Amino acid sequence: MSLWSSRKLVALLGMTVHFVTPEPQAKLESHLLAFKRSPERHKAANILAAYEETIEEYELEGKVSVLVTDSAANMLAAFKFSLASGSEQPSGSGTRASQA
């Protein structure tokens, strides 16, 4: 998951998914899941909301095993905030937060 702003200060969200297809072929697949404008500033709460909205939109609740972000303070805060609520995973999505 990545958030950034264009030269014209348009906030953008990008999410990719990576998974292995079932046997017998067991092939690694990688796809762009979301690439959209984010009307909100890149604050931790907004990042977490965008993540949760995208996970719900594609019905991936409980199917995500690892979340990789950069080590920007707002990204780390977004998922630490979620984990501090007492659960190991953001909003029960089955996610472990990791840094690249």
N, C-alpha and C. Protein backbone atom coordinates (compact mmCIF):
# COMPACT_ATOMS: atom_id res chain seq x y z
N MET A 1 0.85 -1.17 0.00
CA MET A 1 0.00 0.00 0.00
C MET A 1 0.89 1.22 0.00
N SER A 2 0.53 2.20 -0.82
CA SER A 2 1.31 3.42 -0.89
C SER A 2 0.39 4.61 -1.12
N LEU A 3 0.71 5.70 -0.49
CA LEU A 3 0.01 6.96 -0.70
C LEU A 3 1.03 8.01 -1.09
N TRP A 4 0.68 8.85 -2.03
CA TRP A 4 1.58 9.92 -2.41
C TRP A 4 0.77 11.03 -3.06
N SER A 5 1.43 12.15 -3.29
CA SER A 5 0.77 13.29 -3.92
C SER A 5 1.46 13.61 -5.24
N SER A 6 0.66 13.97 -6.23
CA SER A 6 1.21 14.35 -7.53
C SER A 6 1.81 15.75 -7.42
N ARG A 7 2.42 16.20 -8.50
CA ARG A 7 3.00 17.55 -8.52
C ARG A 7 1.94 18.62 -8.31
N LYS A 8 0.71 18.30 -8.67
CA LYS A 8 -0.39 19.25 -8.48
C LYS A 8 -1.11 19.01 -7.15
N LEU A 9 -0.46 18.26 -6.25
CA LEU A 9 -0.96 17.97 -4.91
C LEU A 9 -2.25 17.16 -4.90
N VAL A 10 -2.42 16.29 -5.88
CA VAL A 10 -3.53 15.36 -5.88
C VAL A 10 -3.09 14.14 -5.09
N ALA A 11 -3.82 13.80 -4.03
CA ALA A 11 -3.47 12.65 -3.19
C ALA A 11 -3.92 11.37 -3.90
N LEU A 12 -3.02 10.38 -3.94
CA LEU A 12 -3.29 9.12 -4.63
C LEU A 12 -3.02 7.93 -3.71
N LEU A 13 -3.79 6.88 -3.88
CA LEU A 13 -3.64 5.63 -3.14
C LEU A 13 -3.38 4.51 -4.12
N GLY A 14 -2.40 3.70 -3.85
CA GLY A 14 -2.12 2.52 -4.67
C GLY A 14 -2.01 1.29 -3.78
N MET A 15 -2.67 0.21 -4.18
CA MET A 15 -2.58 -1.06 -3.46
C MET A 15 -2.39 -2.18 -4.46
N THR A 16 -1.45 -3.04 -4.18
CA THR A 16 -1.25 -4.23 -5.01
C THR A 16 -1.52 -5.46 -4.15
N VAL A 17 -1.86 -6.56 -4.82
CA VAL A 17 -2.05 -7.83 -4.13
C VAL A 17 -1.15 -8.87 -4.78
N HIS A 18 -0.68 -9.77 -3.96
CA HIS A 18 0.18 -10.86 -4.41
C HIS A 18 -0.33 -12.13 -3.75
N PHE A 19 -0.48 -13.19 -4.54
CA PHE A 19 -0.98 -14.44 -3.98
C PHE A 19 -0.52 -15.61 -4.84
N VAL A 20 -0.62 -16.79 -4.28
CA VAL A 20 -0.26 -18.02 -5.00
C VAL A 20 -1.55 -18.73 -5.37
N THR A 21 -1.68 -19.11 -6.64
CA THR A 21 -2.87 -19.83 -7.09
C THR A 21 -2.86 -21.24 -6.52
N PRO A 22 -4.02 -21.88 -6.46
CA PRO A 22 -4.10 -23.24 -5.91
C PRO A 22 -3.29 -24.25 -6.72
N GLU A 23 -2.97 -25.34 -6.06
CA GLU A 23 -2.30 -26.47 -6.72
C GLU A 23 -3.21 -26.96 -7.84
N PRO A 24 -2.78 -27.61 -8.87
CA PRO A 24 -1.45 -28.17 -9.05
C PRO A 24 -0.46 -27.19 -9.66
N GLN A 25 -0.92 -26.04 -10.18
CA GLN A 25 0.03 -25.15 -10.85
C GLN A 25 0.74 -24.21 -9.89
N ALA A 26 0.14 -23.83 -8.79
CA ALA A 26 0.73 -22.97 -7.76
C ALA A 26 1.61 -21.87 -8.35
N LYS A 27 0.97 -20.91 -8.95
CA LYS A 27 1.67 -19.82 -9.64
C LYS A 27 1.52 -18.52 -8.84
N LEU A 28 2.61 -17.74 -8.73
CA LEU A 28 2.56 -16.44 -8.06
C LEU A 28 1.88 -15.43 -8.98
N GLU A 29 0.86 -14.76 -8.45
CA GLU A 29 0.13 -13.73 -9.19
C GLU A 29 0.33 -12.39 -8.49
N SER A 30 0.45 -11.32 -9.25
CA SER A 30 0.54 -9.96 -8.72
C SER A 30 -0.39 -9.07 -9.54
N HIS A 31 -1.20 -8.26 -8.85
CA HIS A 31 -2.18 -7.41 -9.53
C HIS A 31 -2.29 -6.06 -8.83
N LEU A 32 -2.63 -5.04 -9.60
CA LEU A 32 -2.96 -3.74 -9.03
C LEU A 32 -4.40 -3.84 -8.54
N LEU A 33 -4.59 -3.70 -7.25
CA LEU A 33 -5.93 -3.81 -6.68
C LEU A 33 -6.65 -2.47 -6.73
N ALA A 34 -5.95 -1.41 -6.37
CA ALA A 34 -6.58 -0.09 -6.33
C ALA A 34 -5.57 0.98 -6.70
N PHE A 35 -6.03 1.94 -7.46
CA PHE A 35 -5.26 3.15 -7.76
C PHE A 35 -6.28 4.25 -7.91
N LYS A 36 -6.42 5.06 -6.87
CA LYS A 36 -7.49 6.04 -6.90
C LYS A 36 -7.09 7.31 -6.16
N ARG A 37 -7.86 8.35 -6.41
CA ARG A 37 -7.65 9.61 -5.71
C ARG A 37 -8.13 9.46 -4.28
N SER A 38 -7.43 10.10 -3.40
CA SER A 38 -7.81 10.13 -2.00
C SER A 38 -8.12 11.58 -1.65
N PRO A 39 -9.37 11.88 -1.33
CA PRO A 39 -9.73 13.27 -1.06
C PRO A 39 -9.18 13.77 0.28
N GLU A 40 -8.71 12.87 1.09
CA GLU A 40 -8.25 13.22 2.43
C GLU A 40 -6.74 13.43 2.46
N ARG A 41 -6.26 14.13 3.49
CA ARG A 41 -4.83 14.29 3.71
C ARG A 41 -4.25 12.96 4.15
N HIS A 42 -2.94 12.83 4.07
CA HIS A 42 -2.27 11.58 4.40
C HIS A 42 -2.05 11.42 5.90
N LYS A 43 -3.10 11.57 6.68
CA LYS A 43 -3.03 11.38 8.12
C LYS A 43 -3.30 9.91 8.42
N ALA A 44 -2.81 9.45 9.57
CA ALA A 44 -2.92 8.03 9.93
C ALA A 44 -4.36 7.53 9.87
N ALA A 45 -5.29 8.26 10.44
CA ALA A 45 -6.69 7.82 10.45
C ALA A 45 -7.24 7.71 9.03
N ASN A 46 -6.86 8.62 8.15
CA ASN A 46 -7.33 8.58 6.76
C ASN A 46 -6.72 7.41 6.00
N ILE A 47 -5.46 7.11 6.29
CA ILE A 47 -4.79 5.97 5.65
C ILE A 47 -5.48 4.68 6.05
N LEU A 48 -5.73 4.52 7.34
CA LEU A 48 -6.40 3.31 7.82
C LEU A 48 -7.79 3.19 7.22
N ALA A 49 -8.52 4.30 7.15
CA ALA A 49 -9.86 4.28 6.56
C ALA A 49 -9.81 3.88 5.08
N ALA A 50 -8.84 4.39 4.34
CA ALA A 50 -8.71 4.04 2.92
C ALA A 50 -8.38 2.57 2.75
N TYR A 51 -7.50 2.05 3.62
CA TYR A 51 -7.15 0.62 3.59
C TYR A 51 -8.40 -0.22 3.85
N GLU A 52 -9.11 0.09 4.93
CA GLU A 52 -10.29 -0.69 5.30
C GLU A 52 -11.37 -0.62 4.22
N GLU A 53 -11.57 0.56 3.64
CA GLU A 53 -12.56 0.72 2.57
C GLU A 53 -12.21 -0.16 1.37
N THR A 54 -10.95 -0.19 1.00
CA THR A 54 -10.52 -0.98 -0.15
C THR A 54 -10.66 -2.47 0.14
N ILE A 55 -10.29 -2.89 1.34
CA ILE A 55 -10.42 -4.30 1.72
C ILE A 55 -11.89 -4.72 1.68
N GLU A 56 -12.78 -3.87 2.19
CA GLU A 56 -14.21 -4.17 2.14
C GLU A 56 -14.73 -4.19 0.71
N GLU A 57 -14.31 -3.22 -0.09
CA GLU A 57 -14.77 -3.10 -1.48
C GLU A 57 -14.51 -4.38 -2.27
N TYR A 58 -13.37 -5.02 -2.01
CA TYR A 58 -13.01 -6.23 -2.74
C TYR A 58 -13.26 -7.50 -1.94
N GLU A 59 -14.00 -7.37 -0.83
CA GLU A 59 -14.39 -8.51 0.01
C GLU A 59 -13.18 -9.35 0.43
N LEU A 60 -12.15 -8.67 0.93
CA LEU A 60 -10.92 -9.34 1.34
C LEU A 60 -10.78 -9.44 2.86
N GLU A 61 -11.84 -9.13 3.61
CA GLU A 61 -11.77 -9.24 5.05
C GLU A 61 -11.37 -10.66 5.44
N GLY A 62 -10.38 -10.79 6.32
CA GLY A 62 -9.93 -12.10 6.78
C GLY A 62 -9.05 -12.85 5.79
N LYS A 63 -8.76 -12.26 4.64
CA LYS A 63 -7.97 -12.94 3.62
C LYS A 63 -6.56 -12.36 3.45
N VAL A 64 -6.28 -11.25 4.12
CA VAL A 64 -4.98 -10.59 4.01
C VAL A 64 -4.08 -11.12 5.12
N SER A 65 -2.89 -11.59 4.74
CA SER A 65 -1.99 -12.13 5.77
C SER A 65 -0.84 -11.20 6.09
N VAL A 66 -0.42 -10.34 5.16
CA VAL A 66 0.68 -9.41 5.40
C VAL A 66 0.38 -8.10 4.68
N LEU A 67 0.67 -7.01 5.37
CA LEU A 67 0.54 -5.68 4.78
C LEU A 67 1.92 -5.05 4.79
N VAL A 68 2.39 -4.63 3.63
CA VAL A 68 3.71 -4.01 3.52
C VAL A 68 3.53 -2.55 3.12
N THR A 69 4.17 -1.66 3.88
CA THR A 69 4.15 -0.24 3.58
C THR A 69 5.59 0.28 3.65
N ASP A 70 5.76 1.54 3.29
CA ASP A 70 7.06 2.15 3.54
C ASP A 70 7.12 2.49 5.04
N SER A 71 8.21 3.08 5.47
CA SER A 71 8.36 3.35 6.90
C SER A 71 8.04 4.80 7.25
N ALA A 72 7.23 5.45 6.42
CA ALA A 72 6.81 6.82 6.72
C ALA A 72 6.03 6.84 8.03
N ALA A 73 6.22 7.88 8.80
CA ALA A 73 5.59 7.97 10.11
C ALA A 73 4.07 7.84 10.04
N ASN A 74 3.44 8.41 9.02
CA ASN A 74 1.98 8.33 8.92
C ASN A 74 1.51 6.91 8.63
N MET A 75 2.26 6.17 7.83
CA MET A 75 1.90 4.77 7.55
C MET A 75 2.04 3.92 8.82
N LEU A 76 3.15 4.08 9.50
CA LEU A 76 3.37 3.32 10.73
C LEU A 76 2.30 3.66 11.77
N ALA A 77 1.99 4.94 11.90
CA ALA A 77 0.98 5.36 12.86
C ALA A 77 -0.40 4.80 12.50
N ALA A 78 -0.71 4.72 11.23
CA ALA A 78 -2.02 4.22 10.80
C ALA A 78 -2.26 2.82 11.32
N PHE A 79 -1.27 1.97 11.20
CA PHE A 79 -1.48 0.58 11.57
C PHE A 79 -1.13 0.31 13.03
N LYS A 80 -0.26 1.11 13.62
CA LYS A 80 -0.03 1.02 15.07
C LYS A 80 -1.28 1.46 15.80
N PHE A 81 -1.94 2.50 15.30
CA PHE A 81 -3.19 2.99 15.88
C PHE A 81 -4.22 1.87 15.90
N SER A 82 -4.32 1.16 14.81
CA SER A 82 -5.27 0.07 14.71
C SER A 82 -4.90 -1.06 15.66
N LEU A 83 -3.62 -1.40 15.72
CA LEU A 83 -3.17 -2.49 16.58
C LEU A 83 -3.30 -2.12 18.05
N ALA A 84 -3.19 -0.85 18.38
CA ALA A 84 -3.29 -0.40 19.76
C ALA A 84 -4.70 -0.57 20.31
N SER A 85 -5.66 -0.78 19.45
CA SER A 85 -7.04 -0.94 19.90
C SER A 85 -7.26 -2.26 20.61
N GLY A 86 -6.21 -3.09 20.68
CA GLY A 86 -6.33 -4.34 21.41
C GLY A 86 -6.35 -5.56 20.52
N SER A 87 -6.48 -5.38 19.23
CA SER A 87 -6.47 -6.54 18.34
C SER A 87 -5.11 -6.63 17.67
N GLU A 88 -4.77 -7.81 17.21
CA GLU A 88 -3.51 -7.99 16.51
C GLU A 88 -3.61 -7.53 15.07
N GLN A 89 -4.83 -7.39 14.56
CA GLN A 89 -5.01 -7.08 13.15
C GLN A 89 -5.90 -5.87 12.96
N PRO A 90 -5.60 -5.04 11.98
CA PRO A 90 -6.48 -3.91 11.69
C PRO A 90 -7.89 -4.37 11.39
N SER A 91 -8.84 -3.93 12.18
CA SER A 91 -10.27 -4.18 11.95
C SER A 91 -10.60 -5.63 11.65
N GLY A 92 -9.90 -6.57 12.26
CA GLY A 92 -10.21 -7.97 12.07
C GLY A 92 -9.96 -8.46 10.67
N SER A 93 -9.14 -7.76 9.90
CA SER A 93 -8.94 -8.13 8.50
C SER A 93 -7.94 -9.26 8.32
N GLY A 94 -7.32 -9.72 9.39
CA GLY A 94 -6.34 -10.78 9.25
C GLY A 94 -5.01 -10.28 8.76
N THR A 95 -4.65 -9.06 9.11
CA THR A 95 -3.45 -8.43 8.58
C THR A 95 -2.38 -8.24 9.63
N ARG A 96 -1.15 -8.56 9.29
CA ARG A 96 0.01 -8.18 10.09
C ARG A 96 0.65 -7.02 9.37
N ALA A 97 0.95 -5.98 10.07
CA ALA A 97 1.61 -4.83 9.45
C ALA A 97 3.10 -5.09 9.38
N SER A 98 3.69 -4.87 8.24
CA SER A 98 5.13 -5.03 8.04
C SER A 98 5.66 -3.81 7.31
N GLN A 99 6.95 -3.58 7.44
CA GLN A 99 7.59 -2.47 6.73
C GLN A 99 8.50 -3.01 5.65
N ALA A 100 8.60 -2.28 4.55
CA ALA A 100 9.53 -2.64 3.49
C ALA A 100 10.88 -2.05 3.80
